[in-house]
Amino acid sequence: MINLLGSFLGAVAGVMMVYYWIIRKEKLSIADLFKRYGEYWYNNGINWIASLSTIIGLIPLLLGLLIPQLSIMFSLGFYLSLALGGTSFAVITFIYKEKKN
């Protein structure tokens, strides 16, 4: 079950890397990181896009766990969830930004 934990962390890492390197372009406001209603405060403190992207990154892992023919997806769980979580986060964020503007 260590692969399950690794895959979950892969999806979280994918979201974090895309957020830092692509969305924020390596620029963070350190003071706002600790403010309750600062720049990084989302809907009641939860970034729903990041949460959804993490779940999307875990779907192939769960399919590989439940369907024996897809067990390769479980074996490659970290890399698959890293790529899927990060990609889905970037796509959903850019679509949301377009609609918001």
N, C-alpha and C. Protein backbone atom coordinates (compact mmCIF):
# COMPACT_ATOMS: atom_id res chain seq x y z
N MET A 1 0.80 -1.20 0.00
CA MET A 1 0.00 0.00 0.00
C MET A 1 0.85 1.27 0.00
N ILE A 2 2.16 1.12 0.06
CA ILE A 2 3.03 2.29 0.00
C ILE A 2 2.91 2.97 -1.36
N ASN A 3 2.60 2.20 -2.39
CA ASN A 3 2.40 2.76 -3.72
C ASN A 3 1.19 3.69 -3.74
N LEU A 4 0.19 3.37 -2.95
CA LEU A 4 -1.01 4.21 -2.86
C LEU A 4 -0.65 5.57 -2.27
N LEU A 5 0.15 5.58 -1.23
CA LEU A 5 0.59 6.83 -0.62
C LEU A 5 1.48 7.61 -1.57
N GLY A 6 2.38 6.92 -2.24
CA GLY A 6 3.26 7.59 -3.20
C GLY A 6 2.50 8.21 -4.35
N SER A 7 1.47 7.54 -4.80
CA SER A 7 0.67 8.08 -5.89
C SER A 7 -0.12 9.30 -5.45
N PHE A 8 -0.64 9.27 -4.23
CA PHE A 8 -1.35 10.44 -3.72
C PHE A 8 -0.39 11.63 -3.64
N LEU A 9 0.81 11.39 -3.15
CA LEU A 9 1.79 12.47 -3.05
C LEU A 9 2.24 12.93 -4.44
N GLY A 10 2.22 12.04 -5.41
CA GLY A 10 2.54 12.43 -6.79
C GLY A 10 1.53 13.42 -7.33
N ALA A 11 0.26 13.17 -7.08
CA ALA A 11 -0.79 14.09 -7.55
C ALA A 11 -0.66 15.44 -6.86
N VAL A 12 -0.38 15.44 -5.57
CA VAL A 12 -0.22 16.69 -4.83
C VAL A 12 1.02 17.43 -5.34
N ALA A 13 2.11 16.72 -5.57
CA ALA A 13 3.34 17.35 -6.06
C ALA A 13 3.13 17.94 -7.46
N GLY A 14 2.37 17.26 -8.29
CA GLY A 14 2.09 17.78 -9.63
C GLY A 14 1.34 19.10 -9.57
N VAL A 15 0.36 19.18 -8.70
CA VAL A 15 -0.40 20.41 -8.53
C VAL A 15 0.51 21.52 -7.99
N MET A 16 1.32 21.21 -7.02
CA MET A 16 2.21 22.21 -6.43
C MET A 16 3.24 22.73 -7.43
N MET A 17 3.81 21.83 -8.22
CA MET A 17 4.82 22.24 -9.20
C MET A 17 4.22 23.13 -10.28
N VAL A 18 3.05 22.75 -10.79
CA VAL A 18 2.39 23.58 -11.81
C VAL A 18 2.03 24.94 -11.23
N TYR A 19 1.52 24.95 -10.01
CA TYR A 19 1.14 26.22 -9.40
C TYR A 19 2.36 27.14 -9.25
N TYR A 20 3.46 26.62 -8.80
CA TYR A 20 4.64 27.45 -8.55
C TYR A 20 5.34 27.86 -9.84
N TRP A 21 5.59 26.90 -10.73
CA TRP A 21 6.39 27.20 -11.91
C TRP A 21 5.60 27.77 -13.09
N ILE A 22 4.36 27.36 -13.26
CA ILE A 22 3.60 27.79 -14.44
C ILE A 22 2.60 28.89 -14.11
N ILE A 23 1.79 28.69 -13.09
CA ILE A 23 0.74 29.66 -12.77
C ILE A 23 1.35 30.92 -12.15
N ARG A 24 2.14 30.76 -11.10
CA ARG A 24 2.71 31.90 -10.38
C ARG A 24 4.03 32.38 -10.95
N LYS A 25 4.63 31.64 -11.86
CA LYS A 25 5.91 31.99 -12.50
C LYS A 25 7.01 32.28 -11.47
N GLU A 26 7.09 31.44 -10.46
CA GLU A 26 8.12 31.47 -9.41
C GLU A 26 8.08 32.74 -8.55
N LYS A 27 6.95 33.43 -8.52
CA LYS A 27 6.82 34.63 -7.70
C LYS A 27 5.74 34.41 -6.65
N LEU A 28 6.15 34.45 -5.39
CA LEU A 28 5.22 34.30 -4.29
C LEU A 28 5.33 35.50 -3.36
N SER A 29 4.22 35.87 -2.77
CA SER A 29 4.20 36.91 -1.75
C SER A 29 4.24 36.21 -0.39
N ILE A 30 5.40 36.25 0.24
CA ILE A 30 5.59 35.53 1.50
C ILE A 30 4.62 36.03 2.56
N ALA A 31 4.40 37.33 2.63
CA ALA A 31 3.50 37.88 3.64
C ALA A 31 2.08 37.37 3.44
N ASP A 32 1.63 37.28 2.18
CA ASP A 32 0.27 36.82 1.92
C ASP A 32 0.07 35.33 2.19
N LEU A 33 1.15 34.58 2.24
CA LEU A 33 1.02 33.15 2.55
C LEU A 33 0.42 32.93 3.94
N PHE A 34 0.62 33.89 4.83
CA PHE A 34 0.19 33.73 6.21
C PHE A 34 -1.02 34.58 6.58
N LYS A 35 -1.56 35.33 5.62
CA LYS A 35 -2.74 36.16 5.89
C LYS A 35 -4.01 35.35 5.65
N ARG A 36 -4.98 35.56 6.51
CA ARG A 36 -6.23 34.82 6.39
C ARG A 36 -6.97 35.14 5.10
N TYR A 37 -7.03 36.39 4.72
CA TYR A 37 -7.72 36.77 3.48
C TYR A 37 -6.75 37.36 2.47
N GLY A 38 -5.56 36.80 2.41
CA GLY A 38 -4.53 37.28 1.50
C GLY A 38 -4.75 36.78 0.08
N GLU A 39 -3.73 36.95 -0.71
CA GLU A 39 -3.77 36.59 -2.12
C GLU A 39 -4.02 35.09 -2.35
N TYR A 40 -3.64 34.26 -1.41
CA TYR A 40 -3.75 32.82 -1.58
C TYR A 40 -4.95 32.23 -0.85
N TRP A 41 -5.85 33.07 -0.38
CA TRP A 41 -7.06 32.61 0.30
C TRP A 41 -8.11 32.32 -0.76
N TYR A 42 -8.54 31.09 -0.85
CA TYR A 42 -9.53 30.72 -1.86
C TYR A 42 -10.90 30.61 -1.21
N ASN A 43 -11.79 29.91 -1.81
CA ASN A 43 -13.17 29.76 -1.34
C ASN A 43 -13.19 29.11 0.04
N ASN A 44 -13.36 29.92 1.08
CA ASN A 44 -13.31 29.46 2.47
C ASN A 44 -12.00 28.75 2.81
N GLY A 45 -10.92 29.16 2.17
CA GLY A 45 -9.62 28.59 2.46
C GLY A 45 -9.30 27.32 1.69
N ILE A 46 -10.18 26.90 0.78
CA ILE A 46 -9.96 25.66 0.02
C ILE A 46 -9.85 26.00 -1.46
N ASN A 47 -8.78 25.55 -2.09
CA ASN A 47 -8.63 25.70 -3.53
C ASN A 47 -9.29 24.47 -4.17
N TRP A 48 -10.53 24.64 -4.63
CA TRP A 48 -11.30 23.52 -5.16
C TRP A 48 -10.72 22.99 -6.46
N ILE A 49 -10.08 23.84 -7.23
CA ILE A 49 -9.46 23.37 -8.48
C ILE A 49 -8.30 22.43 -8.16
N ALA A 50 -7.50 22.77 -7.17
CA ALA A 50 -6.39 21.91 -6.77
C ALA A 50 -6.90 20.59 -6.19
N SER A 51 -7.98 20.66 -5.42
CA SER A 51 -8.56 19.44 -4.85
C SER A 51 -9.10 18.53 -5.95
N LEU A 52 -9.80 19.11 -6.91
CA LEU A 52 -10.34 18.33 -8.03
C LEU A 52 -9.22 17.72 -8.86
N SER A 53 -8.16 18.48 -9.10
CA SER A 53 -7.03 17.98 -9.89
C SER A 53 -6.32 16.83 -9.18
N THR A 54 -6.23 16.90 -7.86
CA THR A 54 -5.63 15.80 -7.11
C THR A 54 -6.47 14.53 -7.26
N ILE A 55 -7.77 14.67 -7.20
CA ILE A 55 -8.66 13.51 -7.37
C ILE A 55 -8.54 12.96 -8.79
N ILE A 56 -8.49 13.85 -9.78
CA ILE A 56 -8.33 13.40 -11.17
C ILE A 56 -7.02 12.63 -11.33
N GLY A 57 -5.96 13.09 -10.67
CA GLY A 57 -4.68 12.40 -10.73
C GLY A 57 -4.70 11.02 -10.10
N LEU A 58 -5.64 10.78 -9.20
CA LEU A 58 -5.72 9.47 -8.53
C LEU A 58 -6.62 8.47 -9.23
N ILE A 59 -7.42 8.92 -10.19
CA ILE A 59 -8.36 8.01 -10.86
C ILE A 59 -7.65 6.84 -11.55
N PRO A 60 -6.58 7.05 -12.34
CA PRO A 60 -5.90 5.91 -12.97
C PRO A 60 -5.34 4.93 -11.94
N LEU A 61 -4.87 5.45 -10.83
CA LEU A 61 -4.34 4.59 -9.77
C LEU A 61 -5.43 3.67 -9.24
N LEU A 62 -6.60 4.24 -8.98
CA LEU A 62 -7.70 3.43 -8.46
C LEU A 62 -8.18 2.41 -9.49
N LEU A 63 -8.19 2.80 -10.77
CA LEU A 63 -8.55 1.84 -11.81
C LEU A 63 -7.56 0.68 -11.85
N GLY A 64 -6.28 1.01 -11.74
CA GLY A 64 -5.25 -0.02 -11.73
C GLY A 64 -5.32 -0.92 -10.50
N LEU A 65 -5.81 -0.38 -9.42
CA LEU A 65 -5.94 -1.16 -8.19
C LEU A 65 -7.15 -2.11 -8.26
N LEU A 66 -8.23 -1.64 -8.88
CA LEU A 66 -9.47 -2.42 -8.91
C LEU A 66 -9.57 -3.38 -10.09
N ILE A 67 -8.97 -3.03 -11.23
CA ILE A 67 -9.06 -3.88 -12.43
C ILE A 67 -7.70 -4.53 -12.66
N PRO A 68 -7.62 -5.85 -12.54
CA PRO A 68 -6.31 -6.53 -12.66
C PRO A 68 -5.61 -6.31 -14.00
N GLN A 69 -6.35 -6.16 -15.08
CA GLN A 69 -5.74 -5.95 -16.40
C GLN A 69 -5.04 -4.59 -16.50
N LEU A 70 -5.40 -3.67 -15.64
CA LEU A 70 -4.80 -2.34 -15.66
C LEU A 70 -3.80 -2.14 -14.51
N SER A 71 -3.22 -3.24 -14.02
CA SER A 71 -2.33 -3.15 -12.87
C SER A 71 -1.06 -2.33 -13.16
N ILE A 72 -0.71 -2.19 -14.44
CA ILE A 72 0.46 -1.37 -14.79
C ILE A 72 0.23 0.08 -14.36
N MET A 73 -1.03 0.52 -14.37
CA MET A 73 -1.34 1.89 -13.94
C MET A 73 -1.06 2.05 -12.44
N PHE A 74 -1.29 0.99 -11.69
CA PHE A 74 -0.99 1.03 -10.26
C PHE A 74 0.52 1.04 -10.04
N SER A 75 1.24 0.29 -10.86
CA SER A 75 2.70 0.23 -10.72
C SER A 75 3.36 1.56 -11.05
N LEU A 76 2.81 2.27 -12.01
CA LEU A 76 3.35 3.56 -12.42
C LEU A 76 2.61 4.71 -11.75
N GLY A 77 1.99 4.44 -10.62
CA GLY A 77 1.09 5.38 -9.97
C GLY A 77 1.67 6.75 -9.70
N PHE A 78 2.88 6.83 -9.17
CA PHE A 78 3.46 8.13 -8.84
C PHE A 78 3.59 9.01 -10.07
N TYR A 79 4.20 8.46 -11.12
CA TYR A 79 4.45 9.24 -12.32
C TYR A 79 3.16 9.60 -13.04
N LEU A 80 2.24 8.67 -13.07
CA LEU A 80 0.96 8.91 -13.72
C LEU A 80 0.15 9.97 -12.99
N SER A 81 0.10 9.87 -11.68
CA SER A 81 -0.66 10.86 -10.91
C SER A 81 0.03 12.21 -10.92
N LEU A 82 1.35 12.25 -10.94
CA LEU A 82 2.09 13.50 -11.05
C LEU A 82 1.72 14.22 -12.35
N ALA A 83 1.77 13.48 -13.46
CA ALA A 83 1.46 14.08 -14.76
C ALA A 83 -0.01 14.47 -14.88
N LEU A 84 -0.89 13.60 -14.48
CA LEU A 84 -2.32 13.87 -14.62
C LEU A 84 -2.79 14.96 -13.67
N GLY A 85 -2.34 14.94 -12.44
CA GLY A 85 -2.73 15.97 -11.49
C GLY A 85 -2.23 17.34 -11.91
N GLY A 86 -0.98 17.43 -12.33
CA GLY A 86 -0.42 18.71 -12.76
C GLY A 86 -1.06 19.22 -14.04
N THR A 87 -1.25 18.34 -15.01
CA THR A 87 -1.86 18.75 -16.28
C THR A 87 -3.29 19.20 -16.09
N SER A 88 -4.06 18.45 -15.33
CA SER A 88 -5.47 18.83 -15.13
C SER A 88 -5.56 20.15 -14.35
N PHE A 89 -4.64 20.37 -13.41
CA PHE A 89 -4.65 21.63 -12.67
C PHE A 89 -4.36 22.80 -13.60
N ALA A 90 -3.37 22.65 -14.47
CA ALA A 90 -3.04 23.74 -15.40
C ALA A 90 -4.20 24.03 -16.34
N VAL A 91 -4.81 22.99 -16.90
CA VAL A 91 -5.90 23.18 -17.86
C VAL A 91 -7.11 23.82 -17.18
N ILE A 92 -7.53 23.29 -16.04
CA ILE A 92 -8.71 23.83 -15.36
C ILE A 92 -8.46 25.27 -14.90
N THR A 93 -7.25 25.55 -14.41
CA THR A 93 -6.94 26.90 -13.95
C THR A 93 -6.99 27.90 -15.11
N PHE A 94 -6.42 27.53 -16.26
CA PHE A 94 -6.44 28.45 -17.40
C PHE A 94 -7.85 28.65 -17.93
N ILE A 95 -8.68 27.60 -17.95
CA ILE A 95 -10.06 27.74 -18.39
C ILE A 95 -10.83 28.62 -17.40
N TYR A 96 -10.61 28.43 -16.13
CA TYR A 96 -11.30 29.23 -15.11
C TYR A 96 -10.90 30.70 -15.20
N LYS A 97 -9.62 30.96 -15.43
CA LYS A 97 -9.14 32.34 -15.57
C LYS A 97 -9.78 33.00 -16.78
N GLU A 98 -9.88 32.26 -17.90
CA GLU A 98 -10.49 32.81 -19.12
C GLU A 98 -11.94 33.20 -18.87
N LYS A 99 -12.68 32.35 -18.19
CA LYS A 99 -14.10 32.62 -17.92
C LYS A 99 -14.27 33.76 -16.91
N LYS A 100 -13.32 33.86 -15.99
CA LYS A 100 -13.40 34.89 -14.94
C LYS A 100 -13.17 36.29 -15.51
N ASN A 101 -12.30 36.37 -16.52
CA ASN A 101 -11.98 37.69 -17.12
C ASN A 101 -13.01 38.10 -18.09
